[in-house]
Amino acid sequence: MPQDVQNLLPVMRELGLVTIFWDVNFSSEQKAFSAEGELLEESYKWRIDKFLKELIWMAKTLRHGRERISLE
């Protein structure tokens, strides 16, 4: 993990944000997408899939916990 991202983790926690492991970074948008916005780089598909699955899982998990588990 890049050092600047690690430095942001305490700030994110202070703001009450939750981080997830997977992310998707496009180093060159011009090579990854067509002019119409279609994904050209096949290698991104599995990263996007992993990212979205974890994001949805985390959202469901947090919602379930907030609805059923008290902080007190």
PDB file of N, CA and C in Angstrom:
ATOM      1  N   MET A   1       0.857  -1.173   0.000  1.00  0.00           N
ATOM      2  CA  MET A   1       0.000   0.000   0.000  1.00  0.00           C
ATOM      3  C   MET A   1       0.901   1.233   0.000  1.00  0.00           C
ATOM      4  N   PRO A   2       0.635   2.176  -0.879  1.00  0.00           N
ATOM      5  CA  PRO A   2       1.452   3.396  -0.908  1.00  0.00           C
ATOM      6  C   PRO A   2       1.382   4.141   0.419  1.00  0.00           C
ATOM      7  N   GLN A   3       2.474   4.774   0.766  1.00  0.00           N
ATOM      8  CA  GLN A   3       2.580   5.470   2.054  1.00  0.00           C
ATOM      9  C   GLN A   3       1.524   6.552   2.213  1.00  0.00           C
ATOM     10  N   ASP A   4       1.231   7.307   1.168  1.00  0.00           N
ATOM     11  CA  ASP A   4       0.241   8.382   1.295  1.00  0.00           C
ATOM     12  C   ASP A   4      -1.151   7.830   1.597  1.00  0.00           C
ATOM     13  N   VAL A   5      -1.470   6.650   1.090  1.00  0.00           N
ATOM     14  CA  VAL A   5      -2.763   6.028   1.404  1.00  0.00           C
ATOM     15  C   VAL A   5      -2.776   5.584   2.865  1.00  0.00           C
ATOM     16  N   GLN A   6      -1.693   5.006   3.323  1.00  0.00           N
ATOM     17  CA  GLN A   6      -1.609   4.589   4.725  1.00  0.00           C
ATOM     18  C   GLN A   6      -1.783   5.781   5.656  1.00  0.00           C
ATOM     19  N   ASN A   7      -1.270   6.929   5.280  1.00  0.00           N
ATOM     20  CA  ASN A   7      -1.396   8.123   6.104  1.00  0.00           C
ATOM     21  C   ASN A   7      -2.840   8.603   6.207  1.00  0.00           C
ATOM     22  N   LEU A   8      -3.658   8.262   5.226  1.00  0.00           N
ATOM     23  CA  LEU A   8      -5.061   8.679   5.245  1.00  0.00           C
ATOM     24  C   LEU A   8      -5.953   7.781   6.105  1.00  0.00           C
ATOM     25  N   LEU A   9      -5.516   6.582   6.402  1.00  0.00           N
ATOM     26  CA  LEU A   9      -6.357   5.643   7.158  1.00  0.00           C
ATOM     27  C   LEU A   9      -6.819   6.193   8.500  1.00  0.00           C
ATOM     28  N   PRO A  10      -5.957   6.804   9.332  1.00  0.00           N
ATOM     29  CA  PRO A  10      -6.457   7.366  10.596  1.00  0.00           C
ATOM     30  C   PRO A  10      -7.486   8.483  10.384  1.00  0.00           C
ATOM     31  N   VAL A  11      -7.307   9.274   9.349  1.00  0.00           N
ATOM     32  CA  VAL A  11      -8.262  10.341   9.041  1.00  0.00           C
ATOM     33  C   VAL A  11      -9.606   9.729   8.658  1.00  0.00           C
ATOM     34  N   MET A  12      -9.565   8.691   7.845  1.00  0.00           N
ATOM     35  CA  MET A  12     -10.803   8.037   7.433  1.00  0.00           C
ATOM     36  C   MET A  12     -11.529   7.424   8.627  1.00  0.00           C
ATOM     37  N   ARG A  13     -10.782   6.818   9.522  1.00  0.00           N
ATOM     38  CA  ARG A  13     -11.406   6.236  10.726  1.00  0.00           C
ATOM     39  C   ARG A  13     -12.033   7.333  11.579  1.00  0.00           C
ATOM     40  N   GLU A  14     -11.341   8.446  11.724  1.00  0.00           N
ATOM     41  CA  GLU A  14     -11.861   9.568  12.515  1.00  0.00           C
ATOM     42  C   GLU A  14     -13.170  10.095  11.932  1.00  0.00           C
ATOM     43  N   LEU A  15     -13.297  10.044  10.617  1.00  0.00           N
ATOM     44  CA  LEU A  15     -14.515  10.499   9.952  1.00  0.00           C
ATOM     45  C   LEU A  15     -15.620   9.439   9.967  1.00  0.00           C
ATOM     46  N   GLY A  16     -15.309   8.268  10.526  1.00  0.00           N
ATOM     47  CA  GLY A  16     -16.294   7.199  10.606  1.00  0.00           C
ATOM     48  C   GLY A  16     -16.422   6.410   9.317  1.00  0.00           C
ATOM     49  N   LEU A  17     -15.431   6.492   8.449  1.00  0.00           N
ATOM     50  CA  LEU A  17     -15.470   5.770   7.182  1.00  0.00           C
ATOM     51  C   LEU A  17     -14.859   4.386   7.344  1.00  0.00           C
ATOM     52  N   VAL A  18     -15.297   3.468   6.524  1.00  0.00           N
ATOM     53  CA  VAL A  18     -14.797   2.105   6.540  1.00  0.00           C
ATOM     54  C   VAL A  18     -14.024   1.879   5.238  1.00  0.00           C
ATOM     55  N   THR A  19     -12.876   1.249   5.345  1.00  0.00           N
ATOM     56  CA  THR A  19     -12.098   0.953   4.143  1.00  0.00           C
ATOM     57  C   THR A  19     -12.270  -0.511   3.757  1.00  0.00           C
ATOM     58  N   ILE A  20     -12.079  -0.784   2.489  1.00  0.00           N
ATOM     59  CA  ILE A  20     -12.098  -2.154   2.000  1.00  0.00           C
ATOM     60  C   ILE A  20     -10.758  -2.435   1.347  1.00  0.00           C
ATOM     61  N   PHE A  21     -10.473  -3.704   1.142  1.00  0.00           N
ATOM     62  CA  PHE A  21      -9.169  -4.107   0.630  1.00  0.00           C
ATOM     63  C   PHE A  21      -9.017  -3.826  -0.858  1.00  0.00           C
ATOM     64  N   TRP A  22      -9.989  -4.237  -1.645  1.00  0.00           N
ATOM     65  CA  TRP A  22      -9.851  -4.116  -3.100  1.00  0.00           C
ATOM     66  C   TRP A  22     -10.156  -2.705  -3.568  1.00  0.00           C
ATOM     67  N   ASP A  23      -9.454  -2.286  -4.607  1.00  0.00           N
ATOM     68  CA  ASP A  23      -9.741  -1.017  -5.261  1.00  0.00           C
ATOM     69  C   ASP A  23      -9.470  -1.176  -6.748  1.00  0.00           C
ATOM     70  N   VAL A  24      -9.852  -0.194  -7.518  1.00  0.00           N
ATOM     71  CA  VAL A  24      -9.604  -0.200  -8.960  1.00  0.00           C
ATOM     72  C   VAL A  24      -8.996   1.142  -9.319  1.00  0.00           C
ATOM     73  N   ASN A  25      -7.806   1.100  -9.865  1.00  0.00           N
ATOM     74  CA  ASN A  25      -7.121   2.310 -10.309  1.00  0.00           C
ATOM     75  C   ASN A  25      -6.817   2.189 -11.789  1.00  0.00           C
ATOM     76  N   PHE A  26      -7.167   3.201 -12.533  1.00  0.00           N
ATOM     77  CA  PHE A  26      -6.874   3.229 -13.965  1.00  0.00           C
ATOM     78  C   PHE A  26      -5.697   4.161 -14.193  1.00  0.00           C
ATOM     79  N   SER A  27      -4.552   3.579 -14.526  1.00  0.00           N
ATOM     80  CA  SER A  27      -3.350   4.391 -14.707  1.00  0.00           C
ATOM     81  C   SER A  27      -3.384   5.177 -16.012  1.00  0.00           C
ATOM     82  N   SER A  28      -4.080   4.685 -17.001  1.00  0.00           N
ATOM     83  CA  SER A  28      -4.189   5.369 -18.283  1.00  0.00           C
ATOM     84  C   SER A  28      -5.606   5.197 -18.824  1.00  0.00           C
ATOM     85  N   GLU A  29      -6.443   6.174 -18.562  1.00  0.00           N
ATOM     86  CA  GLU A  29      -7.843   6.089 -18.980  1.00  0.00           C
ATOM     87  C   GLU A  29      -7.974   5.968 -20.490  1.00  0.00           C
ATOM     88  N   GLN A  30      -7.081   6.628 -21.225  1.00  0.00           N
ATOM     89  CA  GLN A  30      -7.152   6.600 -22.681  1.00  0.00           C
ATOM     90  C   GLN A  30      -6.934   5.191 -23.236  1.00  0.00           C
ATOM     91  N   LYS A  31      -6.128   4.402 -22.549  1.00  0.00           N
ATOM     92  CA  LYS A  31      -5.876   3.029 -22.998  1.00  0.00           C
ATOM     93  C   LYS A  31      -6.927   2.059 -22.456  1.00  0.00           C
ATOM     94  N   ALA A  32      -7.494   2.371 -21.314  1.00  0.00           N
ATOM     95  CA  ALA A  32      -8.446   1.458 -20.678  1.00  0.00           C
ATOM     96  C   ALA A  32      -9.852   1.573 -21.253  1.00  0.00           C
ATOM     97  N   PHE A  33     -10.235   2.769 -21.774  1.00  0.00           N
ATOM     98  CA  PHE A  33     -11.588   3.007 -22.259  1.00  0.00           C
ATOM     99  C   PHE A  33     -11.585   3.555 -23.674  1.00  0.00           C
ATOM    100  N   SER A  34     -12.623   3.208 -24.420  1.00  0.00           N
ATOM    101  CA  SER A  34     -12.808   3.785 -25.752  1.00  0.00           C
ATOM    102  C   SER A  34     -13.395   5.190 -25.608  1.00  0.00           C
ATOM    103  N   ALA A  35     -13.513   5.895 -26.719  1.00  0.00           N
ATOM    104  CA  ALA A  35     -14.106   7.241 -26.713  1.00  0.00           C
ATOM    105  C   ALA A  35     -15.565   7.192 -26.259  1.00  0.00           C
ATOM    106  N   GLU A  36     -16.212   6.040 -26.436  1.00  0.00           N
ATOM    107  CA  GLU A  36     -17.610   5.871 -26.030  1.00  0.00           C
ATOM    108  C   GLU A  36     -17.748   5.416 -24.589  1.00  0.00           C
ATOM    109  N   GLY A  37     -16.626   5.203 -23.902  1.00  0.00           N
ATOM    110  CA  GLY A  37     -16.657   4.791 -22.505  1.00  0.00           C
ATOM    111  C   GLY A  37     -16.651   3.290 -22.281  1.00  0.00           C
ATOM    112  N   GLU A  38     -16.453   2.515 -23.329  1.00  0.00           N
ATOM    113  CA  GLU A  38     -16.407   1.051 -23.208  1.00  0.00           C
ATOM    114  C   GLU A  38     -15.046   0.615 -22.676  1.00  0.00           C
ATOM    115  N   LEU A  39     -15.054  -0.356 -21.795  1.00  0.00           N
ATOM    116  CA  LEU A  39     -13.821  -0.876 -21.227  1.00  0.00           C
ATOM    117  C   LEU A  39     -13.065  -1.682 -22.278  1.00  0.00           C
ATOM    118  N   LEU A  40     -11.826  -1.290 -22.547  1.00  0.00           N
ATOM    119  CA  LEU A  40     -11.004  -1.970 -23.545  1.00  0.00           C
ATOM    120  C   LEU A  40     -10.033  -2.959 -22.918  1.00  0.00           C
ATOM    121  N   GLU A  41      -9.563  -2.658 -21.738  1.00  0.00           N
ATOM    122  CA  GLU A  41      -8.575  -3.498 -21.061  1.00  0.00           C
ATOM    123  C   GLU A  41      -9.273  -4.619 -20.303  1.00  0.00           C
ATOM    124  N   GLU A  42      -9.185  -5.823 -20.829  1.00  0.00           N
ATOM    125  CA  GLU A  42      -9.828  -6.980 -20.204  1.00  0.00           C
ATOM    126  C   GLU A  42      -9.296  -7.249 -18.795  1.00  0.00           C
ATOM    127  N   SER A  43      -8.042  -6.890 -18.547  1.00  0.00           N
ATOM    128  CA  SER A  43      -7.440  -7.181 -17.240  1.00  0.00           C
ATOM    129  C   SER A  43      -8.130  -6.443 -16.094  1.00  0.00           C
ATOM    130  N   TYR A  44      -8.860  -5.397 -16.402  1.00  0.00           N
ATOM    131  CA  TYR A  44      -9.557  -4.652 -15.356  1.00  0.00           C
ATOM    132  C   TYR A  44     -10.848  -5.333 -14.914  1.00  0.00           C
ATOM    133  N   LYS A  45     -11.392  -6.195 -15.751  1.00  0.00           N
ATOM    134  CA  LYS A  45     -12.700  -6.794 -15.441  1.00  0.00           C
ATOM    135  C   LYS A  45     -12.693  -7.558 -14.130  1.00  0.00           C
ATOM    136  N   TRP A  46     -11.678  -8.369 -13.882  1.00  0.00           N
ATOM    137  CA  TRP A  46     -11.661  -9.140 -12.627  1.00  0.00           C
ATOM    138  C   TRP A  46     -11.437  -8.220 -11.441  1.00  0.00           C
ATOM    139  N   ARG A  47     -10.658  -7.137 -11.610  1.00  0.00           N
ATOM    140  CA  ARG A  47     -10.454  -6.184 -10.504  1.00  0.00           C
ATOM    141  C   ARG A  47     -11.757  -5.462 -10.166  1.00  0.00           C
ATOM    142  N   ILE A  48     -12.452  -5.031 -11.196  1.00  0.00           N
ATOM    143  CA  ILE A  48     -13.735  -4.354 -10.981  1.00  0.00           C
ATOM    144  C   ILE A  48     -14.716  -5.297 -10.301  1.00  0.00           C
ATOM    145  N   ASP A  49     -14.750  -6.544 -10.749  1.00  0.00           N
ATOM    146  CA  ASP A  49     -15.635  -7.542 -10.155  1.00  0.00           C
ATOM    147  C   ASP A  49     -15.311  -7.756  -8.679  1.00  0.00           C
ATOM    148  N   LYS A  50     -14.036  -7.941  -8.348  1.00  0.00           N
ATOM    149  CA  LYS A  50     -13.617  -8.142  -6.949  1.00  0.00           C
ATOM    150  C   LYS A  50     -13.981  -6.914  -6.106  1.00  0.00           C
ATOM    151  N   PHE A  51     -13.704  -5.720  -6.645  1.00  0.00           N
ATOM    152  CA  PHE A  51     -13.999  -4.481  -5.931  1.00  0.00           C
ATOM    153  C   PHE A  51     -15.491  -4.360  -5.638  1.00  0.00           C
ATOM    154  N   LEU A  52     -16.323  -4.549  -6.655  1.00  0.00           N
ATOM    155  CA  LEU A  52     -17.766  -4.399  -6.466  1.00  0.00           C
ATOM    156  C   LEU A  52     -18.338  -5.451  -5.530  1.00  0.00           C
ATOM    157  N   LYS A  53     -17.854  -6.691  -5.627  1.00  0.00           N
ATOM    158  CA  LYS A  53     -18.329  -7.736  -4.719  1.00  0.00           C
ATOM    159  C   LYS A  53     -17.993  -7.406  -3.273  1.00  0.00           C
ATOM    160  N   GLU A  54     -16.764  -6.925  -3.032  1.00  0.00           N
ATOM    161  CA  GLU A  54     -16.387  -6.583  -1.661  1.00  0.00           C
ATOM    162  C   GLU A  54     -17.153  -5.357  -1.170  1.00  0.00           C
ATOM    163  N   LEU A  55     -17.339  -4.372  -2.029  1.00  0.00           N
ATOM    164  CA  LEU A  55     -18.081  -3.170  -1.652  1.00  0.00           C
ATOM    165  C   LEU A  55     -19.525  -3.506  -1.281  1.00  0.00           C
ATOM    166  N   ILE A  56     -20.171  -4.330  -2.079  1.00  0.00           N
ATOM    167  CA  ILE A  56     -21.551  -4.736  -1.793  1.00  0.00           C
ATOM    168  C   ILE A  56     -21.612  -5.563  -0.518  1.00  0.00           C
ATOM    169  N   TRP A  57     -20.662  -6.483  -0.349  1.00  0.00           N
ATOM    170  CA  TRP A  57     -20.619  -7.302   0.865  1.00  0.00           C
ATOM    171  C   TRP A  57     -20.467  -6.416   2.102  1.00  0.00           C
ATOM    172  N   MET A  58     -19.547  -5.454   2.041  1.00  0.00           N
ATOM    173  CA  MET A  58     -19.310  -4.570   3.186  1.00  0.00           C
ATOM    174  C   MET A  58     -20.551  -3.737   3.483  1.00  0.00           C
ATOM    175  N   ALA A  59     -21.206  -3.229   2.448  1.00  0.00           N
ATOM    176  CA  ALA A  59     -22.421  -2.436   2.657  1.00  0.00           C
ATOM    177  C   ALA A  59     -23.506  -3.271   3.336  1.00  0.00           C
ATOM    178  N   LYS A  60     -23.693  -4.513   2.881  1.00  0.00           N
ATOM    179  CA  LYS A  60     -24.699  -5.392   3.495  1.00  0.00           C
ATOM    180  C   LYS A  60     -24.335  -5.736   4.934  1.00  0.00           C
ATOM    181  N   THR A  61     -23.060  -6.005   5.162  1.00  0.00           N
ATOM    182  CA  THR A  61     -22.591  -6.353   6.499  1.00  0.00           C
ATOM    183  C   THR A  61     -22.788  -5.195   7.471  1.00  0.00           C
ATOM    184  N   LEU A  62     -22.418  -4.001   7.056  1.00  0.00           N
ATOM    185  CA  LEU A  62     -22.582  -2.832   7.926  1.00  0.00           C
ATOM    186  C   LEU A  62     -24.061  -2.543   8.192  1.00  0.00           C
ATOM    187  N   ARG A  63     -24.893  -2.671   7.169  1.00  0.00           N
ATOM    188  CA  ARG A  63     -26.324  -2.432   7.358  1.00  0.00           C
ATOM    189  C   ARG A  63     -26.903  -3.441   8.346  1.00  0.00           C
ATOM    190  N   HIS A  64     -26.564  -4.704   8.161  1.00  0.00           N
ATOM    191  CA  HIS A  64     -27.036  -5.758   9.063  1.00  0.00           C
ATOM    192  C   HIS A  64     -26.599  -5.459  10.502  1.00  0.00           C
ATOM    193  N   GLY A  65     -25.355  -5.099  10.675  1.00  0.00           N
ATOM    194  CA  GLY A  65     -24.834  -4.808  12.009  1.00  0.00           C
ATOM    195  C   GLY A  65     -25.491  -3.602  12.644  1.00  0.00           C
ATOM    196  N   ARG A  66     -25.675  -2.560  11.876  1.00  0.00           N
ATOM    197  CA  ARG A  66     -26.282  -1.342  12.431  1.00  0.00           C
ATOM    198  C   ARG A  66     -27.729  -1.572  12.825  1.00  0.00           C
ATOM    199  N   GLU A  67     -28.424  -2.430  12.074  1.00  0.00           N
ATOM    200  CA  GLU A  67     -29.824  -2.706  12.380  1.00  0.00           C
ATOM    201  C   GLU A  67     -30.001  -3.653  13.560  1.00  0.00           C
ATOM    202  N   ARG A  68     -29.011  -4.479  13.854  1.00  0.00           N
ATOM    203  CA  ARG A  68     -29.193  -5.542  14.836  1.00  0.00           C
ATOM    204  C   ARG A  68     -28.277  -5.477  16.053  1.00  0.00           C
ATOM    205  N   ILE A  69     -27.204  -4.732  15.976  1.00  0.00           N
ATOM    206  CA  ILE A  69     -26.238  -4.731  17.069  1.00  0.00           C
ATOM    207  C   ILE A  69     -26.086  -3.315  17.625  1.00  0.00           C
ATOM    208  N   SER A  70     -26.376  -3.186  18.900  1.00  0.00           N
ATOM    209  CA  SER A  70     -26.279  -1.882  19.570  1.00  0.00           C
ATOM    210  C   SER A  70     -24.830  -1.600  19.959  1.00  0.00           C
ATOM    211  N   LEU A  71     -24.471  -0.334  19.980  1.00  0.00           N
ATOM    212  CA  LEU A  71     -23.130   0.059  20.444  1.00  0.00           C
ATOM    213  C   LEU A  71     -23.015   0.005  21.968  1.00  0.00           C
ATOM    214  N   GLU A  72     -24.149  -0.034  22.619  1.00  0.00           N
ATOM    215  CA  GLU A  72     -24.152  -0.018  24.081  1.00  0.00           C
ATOM    216  C   GLU A  72     -24.289  -1.385  24.663  1.00  0.00           C
TER     217      GLU A  72
END
